[in-house]
Amino acid sequence: MLTWGDVCVVVKTVAGARPSELAALQGQLAAQGVLPALTAAGEPGEAPRDNFRRVLRLGAASGREWLLHLEDDAYLAPDFAAKALALIGRGTANLWTFYSARKEDGEALAAGKECRRVTPGAFANTQAVAFPCCLIPHLLAYLPEWEAKHPEHRSAVDYFLGAFCRRERLLIQASVPSLVQHRAGKSLLGHRARFGRVSRTFAAAYGEVPPC
């Protein structure tokens, strides 16, 4: 049976950018027994993909079965640890996303589903994603090729993961409801607050996010 000891947890952050949010997330992880949680800290102005490489390398060096990647402004549901681990342990997906802000989430929630399939082309946001560590060498090998083809997507780790899953015909599933919410605040990438920044299913299931 899968345990959190089988999962490498890495929080991706930008050095000095969100100290309160990072501390709050680390506190939530500790309170739910998701330990240890490593940190990948990029430099201001660095391409997010370069910091994602750090995340991948930490996962590869961990010797664990799965990698859970979290953004520093993620807020966890109180039952995140139990539900996320149960979903990963099903073995029914190659990549899990625990945050989603699409209308299909609400439809799946209304239908009583615990998860829904996400097509690679519709995959967006890496707030909280998990995948097997055995994929990491292939991701690292494919990233330079993808970067060369898409120099316009300097920040788009989600586009890269979607393209990889399409290329390898991997299955993506989203938890229903979302088990992670995106904290309010200015996007470091310049995304508008109203664009894909709030999971309505998380809000319906768990309420509003308290300030940190």
C-alpha atoms as a PDB file:
ATOM      1  CA  MET A   1       0.000   0.000   0.000  1.00  0.00           C
ATOM      2  CA  LEU A   2       1.308   3.416  -0.957  1.00  0.00           C
ATOM      3  CA  THR A   3       2.307   5.732   1.896  1.00  0.00           C
ATOM      4  CA  TRP A   4       3.656   9.272   2.004  1.00  0.00           C
ATOM      5  CA  GLY A   5       7.041   7.670   2.568  1.00  0.00           C
ATOM      6  CA  ASP A   6       6.820   6.579  -1.076  1.00  0.00           C
ATOM      7  CA  VAL A   7       6.211  10.130  -2.328  1.00  0.00           C
ATOM      8  CA  CYS A   8       8.816  12.849  -2.774  1.00  0.00           C
ATOM      9  CA  VAL A   9       7.129  16.171  -1.975  1.00  0.00           C
ATOM     10  CA  VAL A  10       8.699  19.312  -3.445  1.00  0.00           C
ATOM     11  CA  VAL A  11       7.406  22.862  -3.046  1.00  0.00           C
ATOM     12  CA  LYS A  12       8.465  25.149  -5.880  1.00  0.00           C
ATOM     13  CA  THR A  13       9.035  28.777  -4.924  1.00  0.00           C
ATOM     14  CA  VAL A  14      10.920  31.904  -5.941  1.00  0.00           C
ATOM     15  CA  ALA A  15      13.470  33.015  -3.366  1.00  0.00           C
ATOM     16  CA  GLY A  16      12.004  35.693  -1.118  1.00  0.00           C
ATOM     17  CA  ALA A  17       8.793  36.070  -3.115  1.00  0.00           C
ATOM     18  CA  ARG A  18       6.134  34.537  -0.857  1.00  0.00           C
ATOM     19  CA  PRO A  19       7.596  33.806   2.589  1.00  0.00           C
ATOM     20  CA  SER A  20       4.234  33.829   4.401  1.00  0.00           C
ATOM     21  CA  GLU A  21       2.522  31.576   1.855  1.00  0.00           C
ATOM     22  CA  LEU A  22       5.473  29.170   1.817  1.00  0.00           C
ATOM     23  CA  ALA A  23       5.544  28.938   5.605  1.00  0.00           C
ATOM     24  CA  ALA A  24       1.771  28.374   5.728  1.00  0.00           C
ATOM     25  CA  LEU A  25       1.967  25.560   3.168  1.00  0.00           C
ATOM     26  CA  GLN A  26       4.873  23.906   4.955  1.00  0.00           C
ATOM     27  CA  GLY A  27       2.854  24.092   8.166  1.00  0.00           C
ATOM     28  CA  GLN A  28      -0.139  22.441   6.507  1.00  0.00           C
ATOM     29  CA  LEU A  29       2.020  19.645   5.129  1.00  0.00           C
ATOM     30  CA  ALA A  30       3.593  19.024   8.532  1.00  0.00           C
ATOM     31  CA  ALA A  31       0.199  19.064  10.266  1.00  0.00           C
ATOM     32  CA  GLN A  32      -1.098  16.422   7.842  1.00  0.00           C
ATOM     33  CA  GLY A  33       1.987  14.236   8.216  1.00  0.00           C
ATOM     34  CA  VAL A  34       3.328  14.864   4.714  1.00  0.00           C
ATOM     35  CA  LEU A  35       7.028  14.952   5.592  1.00  0.00           C
ATOM     36  CA  PRO A  36       9.644  15.784   4.667  1.00  0.00           C
ATOM     37  CA  ALA A  37       8.734  18.487   2.146  1.00  0.00           C
ATOM     38  CA  LEU A  38      11.672  19.689   0.075  1.00  0.00           C
ATOM     39  CA  THR A  39      11.924  23.175  -1.438  1.00  0.00           C
ATOM     40  CA  ALA A  40      13.093  24.152  -4.915  1.00  0.00           C
ATOM     41  CA  ALA A  41      13.851  27.878  -4.822  1.00  0.00           C
ATOM     42  CA  GLY A  42      14.359  29.681  -8.100  1.00  0.00           C
ATOM     43  CA  GLU A  43      15.893  33.105  -8.511  1.00  0.00           C
ATOM     44  CA  PRO A  44      13.763  36.176  -9.367  1.00  0.00           C
ATOM     45  CA  GLY A  45      13.523  36.511 -13.140  1.00  0.00           C
ATOM     46  CA  GLU A  46      14.503  32.899 -13.758  1.00  0.00           C
ATOM     47  CA  ALA A  47      12.364  30.929 -16.195  1.00  0.00           C
ATOM     48  CA  PRO A  48       9.927  28.706 -14.255  1.00  0.00           C
ATOM     49  CA  ARG A  49      11.002  25.754 -16.392  1.00  0.00           C
ATOM     50  CA  ASP A  50      14.519  26.025 -14.986  1.00  0.00           C
ATOM     51  CA  ASN A  51      13.191  25.722 -11.457  1.00  0.00           C
ATOM     52  CA  PHE A  52      10.983  22.837 -12.587  1.00  0.00           C
ATOM     53  CA  ARG A  53      14.184  21.075 -13.594  1.00  0.00           C
ATOM     54  CA  ARG A  54      15.300  21.385  -9.970  1.00  0.00           C
ATOM     55  CA  VAL A  55      12.027  19.829  -8.852  1.00  0.00           C
ATOM     56  CA  LEU A  56      12.518  16.925 -11.239  1.00  0.00           C
ATOM     57  CA  ARG A  57      16.096  16.345 -10.131  1.00  0.00           C
ATOM     58  CA  LEU A  58      15.092  16.318  -6.481  1.00  0.00           C
ATOM     59  CA  GLY A  59      12.457  13.735  -7.330  1.00  0.00           C
ATOM     60  CA  ALA A  60      14.935  11.627  -9.294  1.00  0.00           C
ATOM     61  CA  ALA A  61      17.440  11.678  -6.429  1.00  0.00           C
ATOM     62  CA  SER A  62      14.841  10.798  -3.800  1.00  0.00           C
ATOM     63  CA  GLY A  63      14.560   7.107  -4.611  1.00  0.00           C
ATOM     64  CA  ARG A  64      10.793   7.314  -4.102  1.00  0.00           C
ATOM     65  CA  GLU A  65       7.995   6.062  -6.317  1.00  0.00           C
ATOM     66  CA  TRP A  66       6.068   9.304  -6.894  1.00  0.00           C
ATOM     67  CA  LEU A  67       6.781  13.011  -7.056  1.00  0.00           C
ATOM     68  CA  LEU A  68       4.289  15.574  -5.741  1.00  0.00           C
ATOM     69  CA  HIS A  69       4.965  19.073  -7.059  1.00  0.00           C
ATOM     70  CA  LEU A  70       3.334  21.976  -5.217  1.00  0.00           C
ATOM     71  CA  GLU A  71       3.450  25.714  -5.898  1.00  0.00           C
ATOM     72  CA  ASP A  72       4.194  27.889  -2.871  1.00  0.00           C
ATOM     73  CA  ASP A  73       0.791  29.631  -2.989  1.00  0.00           C
ATOM     74  CA  ALA A  74      -1.159  26.393  -2.723  1.00  0.00           C
ATOM     75  CA  TYR A  75      -3.622  25.936   0.129  1.00  0.00           C
ATOM     76  CA  LEU A  76      -4.485  22.348   1.084  1.00  0.00           C
ATOM     77  CA  ALA A  77      -7.862  20.913   1.977  1.00  0.00           C
ATOM     78  CA  PRO A  78      -7.922  19.552   5.556  1.00  0.00           C
ATOM     79  CA  ASP A  79      -8.185  16.004   4.165  1.00  0.00           C
ATOM     80  CA  PHE A  80      -5.662  16.516   1.358  1.00  0.00           C
ATOM     81  CA  ALA A  81      -3.145  13.979   2.650  1.00  0.00           C
ATOM     82  CA  ALA A  82      -5.656  11.139   2.968  1.00  0.00           C
ATOM     83  CA  LYS A  83      -7.555  11.778  -0.252  1.00  0.00           C
ATOM     84  CA  ALA A  84      -4.601  12.590  -2.498  1.00  0.00           C
ATOM     85  CA  LEU A  85      -2.718   9.491  -1.378  1.00  0.00           C
ATOM     86  CA  ALA A  86      -5.791   7.305  -1.920  1.00  0.00           C
ATOM     87  CA  LEU A  87      -6.218   8.632  -5.466  1.00  0.00           C
ATOM     88  CA  ILE A  88      -2.545   8.180  -6.345  1.00  0.00           C
ATOM     89  CA  GLY A  89      -2.638   4.666  -4.903  1.00  0.00           C
ATOM     90  CA  ARG A  90      -5.436   3.622  -7.234  1.00  0.00           C
ATOM     91  CA  GLY A  91      -2.958   3.288 -10.075  1.00  0.00           C
ATOM     92  CA  THR A  92      -5.505   4.634 -12.550  1.00  0.00           C
ATOM     93  CA  ALA A  93      -3.573   7.651 -13.846  1.00  0.00           C
ATOM     94  CA  ASN A  94      -0.068   8.576 -14.966  1.00  0.00           C
ATOM     95  CA  LEU A  95      -0.471  12.152 -13.755  1.00  0.00           C
ATOM     96  CA  TRP A  96      -2.784  13.546 -11.091  1.00  0.00           C
ATOM     97  CA  THR A  97      -3.736  17.167 -10.705  1.00  0.00           C
ATOM     98  CA  PHE A  98      -5.293  18.195  -7.401  1.00  0.00           C
ATOM     99  CA  TYR A  99      -6.174  21.710  -8.517  1.00  0.00           C
ATOM    100  CA  SER A 100      -8.438  22.577 -11.425  1.00  0.00           C
ATOM    101  CA  ALA A 101     -10.593  25.560 -12.333  1.00  0.00           C
ATOM    102  CA  ARG A 102     -12.681  24.322 -15.251  1.00  0.00           C
ATOM    103  CA  LYS A 103     -16.419  23.993 -15.669  1.00  0.00           C
ATOM    104  CA  GLU A 104     -16.051  20.232 -16.148  1.00  0.00           C
ATOM    105  CA  ASP A 105     -15.046  20.008 -12.479  1.00  0.00           C
ATOM    106  CA  GLY A 106     -18.439  21.272 -11.358  1.00  0.00           C
ATOM    107  CA  GLU A 107     -20.210  18.856 -13.678  1.00  0.00           C
ATOM    108  CA  ALA A 108     -18.193  15.944 -12.291  1.00  0.00           C
ATOM    109  CA  LEU A 109     -18.875  17.052  -8.710  1.00  0.00           C
ATOM    110  CA  ALA A 110     -22.612  17.276  -9.399  1.00  0.00           C
ATOM    111  CA  ALA A 111     -22.475  13.757 -10.817  1.00  0.00           C
ATOM    112  CA  GLY A 112     -20.870  12.445  -7.622  1.00  0.00           C
ATOM    113  CA  LYS A 113     -17.523  11.603  -9.200  1.00  0.00           C
ATOM    114  CA  GLU A 114     -14.243  11.555  -7.264  1.00  0.00           C
ATOM    115  CA  CYS A 115     -12.131  12.313 -10.311  1.00  0.00           C
ATOM    116  CA  ARG A 116     -12.393  13.162 -13.987  1.00  0.00           C
ATOM    117  CA  ARG A 117     -10.246  12.614 -17.031  1.00  0.00           C
ATOM    118  CA  VAL A 118      -8.306  15.591 -18.403  1.00  0.00           C
ATOM    119  CA  THR A 119      -7.181  15.641 -22.011  1.00  0.00           C
ATOM    120  CA  PRO A 120      -3.543  16.719 -22.477  1.00  0.00           C
ATOM    121  CA  GLY A 121      -4.628  19.723 -24.526  1.00  0.00           C
ATOM    122  CA  ALA A 122      -6.863  20.921 -21.684  1.00  0.00           C
ATOM    123  CA  PHE A 123      -4.309  20.414 -18.919  1.00  0.00           C
ATOM    124  CA  ALA A 124      -3.554  23.741 -17.239  1.00  0.00           C
ATOM    125  CA  ASN A 125      -1.829  24.795 -14.033  1.00  0.00           C
ATOM    126  CA  THR A 126       0.763  22.965 -11.978  1.00  0.00           C
ATOM    127  CA  GLN A 127      -0.437  24.119  -8.564  1.00  0.00           C
ATOM    128  CA  ALA A 128      -0.458  20.537  -7.304  1.00  0.00           C
ATOM    129  CA  VAL A 129       0.498  17.658  -9.590  1.00  0.00           C
ATOM    130  CA  ALA A 130       1.816  14.161  -8.960  1.00  0.00           C
ATOM    131  CA  PHE A 131       3.406  11.614 -11.274  1.00  0.00           C
ATOM    132  CA  PRO A 132       5.666   8.542 -10.987  1.00  0.00           C
ATOM    133  CA  CYS A 133       9.369   9.225 -10.581  1.00  0.00           C
ATOM    134  CA  CYS A 134      10.094   6.726 -13.350  1.00  0.00           C
ATOM    135  CA  LEU A 135       8.860   9.392 -15.789  1.00  0.00           C
ATOM    136  CA  ILE A 136      11.442  11.947 -14.663  1.00  0.00           C
ATOM    137  CA  PRO A 137      14.338  10.843 -16.949  1.00  0.00           C
ATOM    138  CA  HIS A 138      11.980  10.980 -19.926  1.00  0.00           C
ATOM    139  CA  LEU A 139      10.679  14.416 -18.919  1.00  0.00           C
ATOM    140  CA  LEU A 140      14.214  15.763 -18.556  1.00  0.00           C
ATOM    141  CA  ALA A 141      15.190  14.289 -21.919  1.00  0.00           C
ATOM    142  CA  TYR A 142      12.148  15.752 -23.693  1.00  0.00           C
ATOM    143  CA  LEU A 143      12.293  19.241 -22.155  1.00  0.00           C
ATOM    144  CA  PRO A 144      15.145  20.657 -24.314  1.00  0.00           C
ATOM    145  CA  GLU A 145      13.389  19.478 -27.479  1.00  0.00           C
ATOM    146  CA  TRP A 146      10.104  21.040 -26.391  1.00  0.00           C
ATOM    147  CA  GLU A 147      11.839  24.300 -25.396  1.00  0.00           C
ATOM    148  CA  ALA A 148      13.484  24.560 -28.807  1.00  0.00           C
ATOM    149  CA  LYS A 149      10.107  24.164 -30.513  1.00  0.00           C
ATOM    150  CA  HIS A 150       8.296  26.563 -28.159  1.00  0.00           C
ATOM    151  CA  PRO A 151      10.579  29.457 -27.185  1.00  0.00           C
ATOM    152  CA  GLU A 152       7.471  31.592 -26.646  1.00  0.00           C
ATOM    153  CA  HIS A 153       6.406  29.467 -23.680  1.00  0.00           C
ATOM    154  CA  ARG A 154       9.102  30.435 -21.197  1.00  0.00           C
ATOM    155  CA  SER A 155       6.785  29.976 -18.221  1.00  0.00           C
ATOM    156  CA  ALA A 156       4.501  27.203 -19.413  1.00  0.00           C
ATOM    157  CA  VAL A 157       5.387  24.111 -17.395  1.00  0.00           C
ATOM    158  CA  ASP A 158       1.758  22.989 -17.722  1.00  0.00           C
ATOM    159  CA  TYR A 159       1.928  23.168 -21.537  1.00  0.00           C
ATOM    160  CA  PHE A 160       5.100  21.088 -21.415  1.00  0.00           C
ATOM    161  CA  LEU A 161       3.538  18.430 -19.204  1.00  0.00           C
ATOM    162  CA  GLY A 162       0.441  18.336 -21.393  1.00  0.00           C
ATOM    163  CA  ALA A 163       2.588  17.916 -24.511  1.00  0.00           C
ATOM    164  CA  PHE A 164       4.577  15.134 -22.861  1.00  0.00           C
ATOM    165  CA  CYS A 165       1.424  13.279 -21.844  1.00  0.00           C
ATOM    166  CA  ARG A 166       0.040  13.606 -25.360  1.00  0.00           C
ATOM    167  CA  ARG A 167       3.294  12.365 -26.884  1.00  0.00           C
ATOM    168  CA  GLU A 168       3.497   9.370 -24.554  1.00  0.00           C
ATOM    169  CA  ARG A 169      -0.274   8.741 -24.485  1.00  0.00           C
ATOM    170  CA  LEU A 170      -0.452   9.086 -20.722  1.00  0.00           C
ATOM    171  CA  LEU A 171      -3.643   9.436 -18.709  1.00  0.00           C
ATOM    172  CA  ILE A 172      -4.272  12.606 -16.695  1.00  0.00           C
ATOM    173  CA  GLN A 173      -6.898  12.680 -13.945  1.00  0.00           C
ATOM    174  CA  ALA A 174      -8.131  15.574 -11.795  1.00  0.00           C
ATOM    175  CA  SER A 175      -9.454  15.117  -8.270  1.00  0.00           C
ATOM    176  CA  VAL A 176     -13.095  16.078  -7.694  1.00  0.00           C
ATOM    177  CA  PRO A 177     -13.441  18.311  -5.825  1.00  0.00           C
ATOM    178  CA  SER A 178     -10.069  20.002  -6.081  1.00  0.00           C
ATOM    179  CA  LEU A 179      -8.037  19.228  -2.983  1.00  0.00           C
ATOM    180  CA  VAL A 180      -5.936  22.374  -3.367  1.00  0.00           C
ATOM    181  CA  GLN A 181      -6.915  26.011  -3.749  1.00  0.00           C
ATOM    182  CA  HIS A 182      -4.901  28.814  -5.313  1.00  0.00           C
ATOM    183  CA  ARG A 183      -4.310  31.538  -2.734  1.00  0.00           C
ATOM    184  CA  ALA A 184      -5.372  35.042  -3.685  1.00  0.00           C
ATOM    185  CA  GLY A 185      -2.552  37.362  -4.642  1.00  0.00           C
ATOM    186  CA  LYS A 186      -0.629  38.775  -7.557  1.00  0.00           C
ATOM    187  CA  SER A 187       0.652  36.210 -10.020  1.00  0.00           C
ATOM    188  CA  LEU A 188       4.426  36.200 -10.417  1.00  0.00           C
ATOM    189  CA  LEU A 189       3.838  35.335 -14.072  1.00  0.00           C
ATOM    190  CA  GLY A 190       1.418  38.204 -14.678  1.00  0.00           C
ATOM    191  CA  HIS A 191      -1.736  36.082 -14.953  1.00  0.00           C
ATOM    192  CA  ARG A 192      -4.986  37.915 -14.376  1.00  0.00           C
ATOM    193  CA  ALA A 193      -6.651  37.057 -11.065  1.00  0.00           C
ATOM    194  CA  ARG A 194      -9.874  36.094 -12.796  1.00  0.00           C
ATOM    195  CA  PHE A 195      -8.132  33.766 -15.243  1.00  0.00           C
ATOM    196  CA  GLY A 196      -7.922  30.217 -13.910  1.00  0.00           C
ATOM    197  CA  ARG A 197      -6.980  31.241 -10.389  1.00  0.00           C
ATOM    198  CA  VAL A 198      -9.824  29.856  -8.263  1.00  0.00           C
ATOM    199  CA  SER A 199     -11.227  26.345  -7.986  1.00  0.00           C
ATOM    200  CA  ARG A 200     -14.978  26.568  -7.501  1.00  0.00           C
ATOM    201  CA  THR A 201     -15.221  22.930  -6.464  1.00  0.00           C
ATOM    202  CA  PHE A 202     -12.701  23.509  -3.677  1.00  0.00           C
ATOM    203  CA  ALA A 203     -14.676  26.542  -2.518  1.00  0.00           C
ATOM    204  CA  ALA A 204     -17.929  24.543  -2.585  1.00  0.00           C
ATOM    205  CA  ALA A 205     -16.445  21.658  -0.609  1.00  0.00           C
ATOM    206  CA  TYR A 206     -14.118  23.432   1.802  1.00  0.00           C
ATOM    207  CA  GLY A 207     -15.023  27.114   1.863  1.00  0.00           C
ATOM    208  CA  GLU A 208     -12.810  30.158   1.636  1.00  0.00           C
ATOM    209  CA  VAL A 209      -9.054  30.225   2.184  1.00  0.00           C
ATOM    210  CA  PRO A 210      -8.010  31.987   5.409  1.00  0.00           C
ATOM    211  CA  PRO A 211      -5.248  34.590   5.240  1.00  0.00           C
ATOM    212  CA  CYS A 212      -1.749  33.417   6.105  1.00  0.00           C
END
